[in-house]
C-alpha cells in the first residue's frame, strides 16, 4: 500500500511542471482471465478456486515526460467467483467485482509502420475485490505490451496485452485445509481509445 501511495504522490507532484503540456484521456474495454489464488492439494475438490475473469471498463489519463509515459488508470470489472477443474466448471457472476487503480510507467520500444508505436509498461496496482460484500485489498504488479496508432485528428487507438500478479486474494481462514493459497495472476487483453487534450 505504501508503494502505491508513494507512486501516486510522485505522479501528482510532477503535475505543476507538466500543466502546460498536452495530456491524453482514454477509455479501455478489457477481457481478463485469472489463475492461481487457491489450489486443491489433495485432488478431492476442484483444483482452482478464485476470480473467474470477465469484462472490464477503464479510464486512464497519461502524459509523456521525456521518453517516459506516466499513466494513471482506474477500472471496474466483473471478475466473479469460479471453481474449476476436471469435470467441474462453476462460475458465479453475482459476486466478486473488482475495482483497480494502476500507476504505469511506459517507454516506447519500437513501431510498426510510419506512425504506430509499441510500448512496454510497468507499475504498481491496488485491487479491491468485493466478494459477497467483503472487500479484499491487495497490492500487485502490472506489466503490459501495447501498440498504439493514430485514427483521426486527436484520436488514437490502442491494443494492450497485460499481466498482473499479487498475493492470493484469499485469506487462510477462507479456505478448507486441503487448499493452499497461491499468488493471484491475471492475463488481459484490452482495446482503447485515447484523446489528446
Protein backbone atom coordinates (compact mmCIF):
# COMPACT_ATOMS: atom_id res chain seq x y z
CA UNK A 1 0.00 0.00 0.00
CA UNK A 2 2.87 2.39 0.82
CA UNK A 3 4.49 1.74 -2.57
CA UNK A 4 1.32 2.65 -4.46
CA UNK A 5 0.73 5.72 -2.27
CA UNK A 6 4.29 6.92 -2.92
CA UNK A 7 3.90 6.36 -6.67
CA UNK A 8 0.60 8.29 -6.78
CA UNK A 9 2.14 11.15 -4.77
CA UNK A 10 5.05 11.25 -7.22
CA UNK A 11 2.59 11.40 -10.13
CA UNK A 12 0.78 14.38 -8.66
CA UNK A 13 3.99 16.08 -7.54
CA UNK A 14 5.09 16.46 -11.16
CA UNK A 15 1.69 17.81 -12.29
CA UNK A 16 2.54 21.52 -11.89
CA UNK A 17 5.60 21.24 -14.12
CA UNK A 18 3.59 19.42 -16.79
CA UNK A 19 0.46 21.60 -16.67
CA UNK A 20 1.33 23.50 -19.85
CA UNK A 21 1.92 20.29 -21.82
CA UNK A 22 -0.69 18.17 -23.58
CA UNK A 23 -2.40 15.29 -21.87
CA UNK A 24 -4.27 12.24 -23.14
CA UNK A 25 -7.54 10.92 -21.78
CA UNK A 26 -8.55 7.39 -22.67
CA UNK A 27 -11.14 4.69 -22.22
CA UNK A 28 -10.45 0.93 -22.35
CA UNK A 29 -12.57 -2.20 -22.66
CA UNK A 30 -10.84 -5.37 -21.47
CA UNK A 31 -11.34 -9.11 -21.17
CA UNK A 32 -9.43 -10.99 -18.47
CA UNK A 33 -8.75 -14.46 -17.10
CA UNK A 34 -7.40 -15.28 -13.65
CA UNK A 35 -5.21 -18.06 -12.28
CA UNK A 36 -3.54 -19.03 -9.03
CA UNK A 37 -5.36 -17.74 -5.90
CA UNK A 38 -6.21 -21.16 -4.37
CA UNK A 39 -5.37 -24.75 -5.38
CA UNK A 40 -6.58 -28.10 -4.04
CA UNK A 41 -3.53 -30.15 -3.00
CA UNK A 42 -5.36 -33.45 -2.37
CA UNK A 43 -7.19 -33.96 -5.65
CA UNK A 44 -10.53 -34.34 -3.88
CA UNK A 45 -12.02 -30.97 -4.85
CA UNK A 46 -11.98 -28.52 -7.74
CA UNK A 47 -8.30 -27.72 -8.45
CA UNK A 48 -8.90 -23.98 -8.91
CA UNK A 49 -10.82 -21.52 -6.74
CA UNK A 50 -10.68 -17.77 -7.27
CA UNK A 51 -11.74 -14.93 -9.54
CA UNK A 52 -13.32 -16.10 -12.77
CA UNK A 53 -12.46 -13.32 -15.17
CA UNK A 54 -14.74 -11.18 -17.24
CA UNK A 55 -15.18 -7.81 -18.89
CA UNK A 56 -13.73 -4.58 -17.53
CA UNK A 57 -14.07 -0.88 -18.27
CA UNK A 58 -11.26 1.54 -17.50
CA UNK A 59 -10.47 5.25 -17.71
CA UNK A 60 -6.90 6.48 -17.93
CA UNK A 61 -5.06 9.76 -18.05
CA UNK A 62 -1.46 9.93 -19.20
CA UNK A 63 1.36 12.26 -20.12
CA UNK A 64 4.78 11.70 -21.64
CA UNK A 65 7.71 13.14 -19.72
CA UNK A 66 10.86 12.96 -21.87
CA UNK A 67 10.91 9.31 -23.07
CA UNK A 68 8.70 8.02 -20.24
CA UNK A 69 4.92 8.00 -20.28
CA UNK A 70 3.20 8.18 -16.89
CA UNK A 71 -0.37 6.85 -16.78
CA UNK A 72 -2.97 6.61 -14.06
CA UNK A 73 -5.80 4.14 -14.72
CA UNK A 74 -8.95 3.29 -12.79
CA UNK A 75 -11.07 0.32 -13.85
CA UNK A 76 -14.03 -1.81 -12.83
CA UNK A 77 -14.57 -5.43 -13.81
CA UNK A 78 -16.97 -8.26 -13.06
CA UNK A 79 -14.46 -10.97 -12.18
CA UNK A 80 -16.99 -13.12 -10.37
CA UNK A 81 -16.02 -16.29 -8.47
CA UNK A 82 -15.05 -19.58 -10.08
CA UNK A 83 -14.43 -23.22 -9.16
CA UNK A 84 -12.95 -25.24 -11.99
CA UNK A 85 -11.15 -28.44 -12.77
CA UNK A 86 -11.72 -31.81 -14.36
CA UNK A 87 -15.45 -32.36 -14.64
CA UNK A 88 -16.47 -29.09 -12.97
CA UNK A 89 -16.74 -25.51 -14.11
CA UNK A 90 -18.83 -23.37 -11.75
CA UNK A 91 -18.97 -19.58 -12.09
CA UNK A 92 -20.90 -17.06 -10.00
CA UNK A 93 -21.05 -13.65 -11.69
CA UNK A 94 -23.29 -12.16 -8.98
CA UNK A 95 -20.31 -11.58 -6.68
CA UNK A 96 -16.61 -10.87 -7.00
CA UNK A 97 -16.41 -7.49 -8.72
CA UNK A 98 -13.04 -5.70 -8.79
CA UNK A 99 -12.01 -2.06 -8.58
CA UNK A 100 -8.43 -1.42 -9.66
CA UNK A 101 -6.13 1.61 -9.61
CA UNK A 102 -2.85 1.33 -11.53
CA UNK A 103 0.09 3.70 -11.94
CA UNK A 104 2.03 2.77 -15.09
CA UNK A 105 5.41 3.90 -16.38
CA UNK A 106 5.91 3.15 -20.07
CA UNK A 107 8.61 3.54 -22.69
CA UNK A 108 8.45 3.27 -26.46
CA UNK A 109 10.34 0.23 -27.71
CA UNK A 110 9.59 0.43 -31.43
CA UNK A 111 6.90 0.94 -34.01
CA UNK A 112 5.01 -0.67 -36.84
CA UNK A 113 4.50 1.48 -39.89
CA UNK A 114 5.21 5.20 -40.11
CA UNK A 115 3.15 6.30 -37.10
CA UNK A 116 2.39 3.30 -34.89
CA UNK A 117 4.18 2.86 -31.57
CA UNK A 118 4.92 -0.23 -29.46
CA UNK A 119 5.32 0.39 -25.73
CA UNK A 120 6.26 -1.55 -22.62
CA UNK A 121 4.53 -0.53 -19.37
CA UNK A 122 5.18 -1.50 -15.74
CA UNK A 123 3.80 -0.31 -12.44
CA UNK A 124 2.09 -0.98 -9.11
CA UNK A 125 -1.63 -1.71 -8.76
CA UNK A 126 -4.20 -1.61 -5.98
CA UNK A 127 -7.03 -4.17 -6.26
CA UNK A 128 -10.25 -4.08 -4.27
CA UNK A 129 -12.04 -7.42 -4.70
CA UNK A 130 -15.60 -7.33 -3.40
CA UNK A 131 -16.57 -10.90 -2.57
CA UNK A 132 -20.15 -11.08 -1.22
CA UNK A 133 -19.89 -7.67 0.42
CA UNK A 134 -16.45 -8.20 1.97
CA UNK A 135 -13.76 -6.12 0.27
CA UNK A 136 -10.22 -7.51 0.00
CA UNK A 137 -7.42 -5.06 -0.82
CA UNK A 138 -4.23 -6.28 -2.49
CA UNK A 139 -1.15 -4.58 -3.89
CA UNK A 140 0.18 -6.12 -7.08
CA UNK A 141 2.40 -5.50 -10.08
CA UNK A 142 1.23 -4.95 -13.64
CA UNK A 143 3.19 -5.33 -16.87
CA UNK A 144 1.88 -4.67 -20.37
CA UNK A 145 2.86 -4.57 -24.02
CA UNK A 146 0.82 -2.03 -26.02
CA UNK A 147 0.53 -0.97 -29.62
CA UNK A 148 -0.91 2.46 -30.46
CA UNK A 149 -1.84 4.01 -33.80
CA UNK A 150 -3.47 7.29 -34.92
CA UNK A 151 -7.12 7.12 -36.03
CA UNK A 152 -8.12 10.69 -36.88
CA UNK A 153 -7.11 14.11 -35.62
CA UNK A 154 -6.56 13.93 -31.88
CA UNK A 155 -7.93 10.39 -31.53
CA UNK A 156 -5.72 7.30 -31.41
CA UNK A 157 -6.38 3.63 -30.77
CA UNK A 158 -4.54 1.13 -28.61
CA UNK A 159 -4.46 -2.62 -28.07
CA UNK A 160 -2.81 -3.89 -24.91
CA UNK A 161 -1.73 -7.32 -23.62
CA UNK A 162 -1.37 -7.22 -19.86
CA UNK A 163 -0.33 -9.42 -16.96
CA UNK A 164 -0.82 -8.90 -13.23
CA UNK A 165 0.40 -10.69 -10.11
CA UNK A 166 -0.33 -10.17 -6.42
CA UNK A 167 -0.55 -12.28 -3.29
CA UNK A 168 -3.60 -14.53 -3.04
CA UNK A 169 -6.92 -12.72 -2.83
CA UNK A 170 -7.99 -15.28 -0.21
CA UNK A 171 -7.08 -15.27 3.48
CA UNK A 172 -6.08 -18.55 5.15
CA UNK A 173 -9.37 -18.70 7.11
CA UNK A 174 -11.39 -18.58 3.87
CA UNK A 175 -10.31 -22.00 2.64
CA UNK A 176 -10.66 -25.64 3.67
CA UNK A 177 -7.37 -27.18 4.90
CA UNK A 178 -6.83 -29.08 1.64
CA UNK A 179 -6.47 -25.83 -0.29
CA UNK A 180 -3.27 -23.81 -0.43
CA UNK A 181 -3.13 -20.14 -1.32
CA UNK A 182 -1.16 -19.13 -4.37
CA UNK A 183 -0.37 -15.79 -5.99
CA UNK A 184 -3.32 -14.38 -7.91
CA UNK A 185 -2.47 -13.91 -11.59
CA UNK A 186 -4.39 -12.21 -14.36
CA UNK A 187 -3.95 -12.09 -18.13
CA UNK A 188 -5.94 -9.49 -20.04
CA UNK A 189 -6.34 -8.02 -23.49
CA UNK A 190 -7.86 -4.58 -23.98
CA UNK A 191 -8.87 -2.19 -26.73
CA UNK A 192 -8.84 1.51 -26.08
CA UNK A 193 -9.34 4.97 -27.49
CA UNK A 194 -7.22 7.98 -26.45
CA UNK A 195 -7.96 11.65 -26.98
CA UNK A 196 -5.26 14.30 -26.93
CA UNK A 197 -6.43 17.21 -24.79
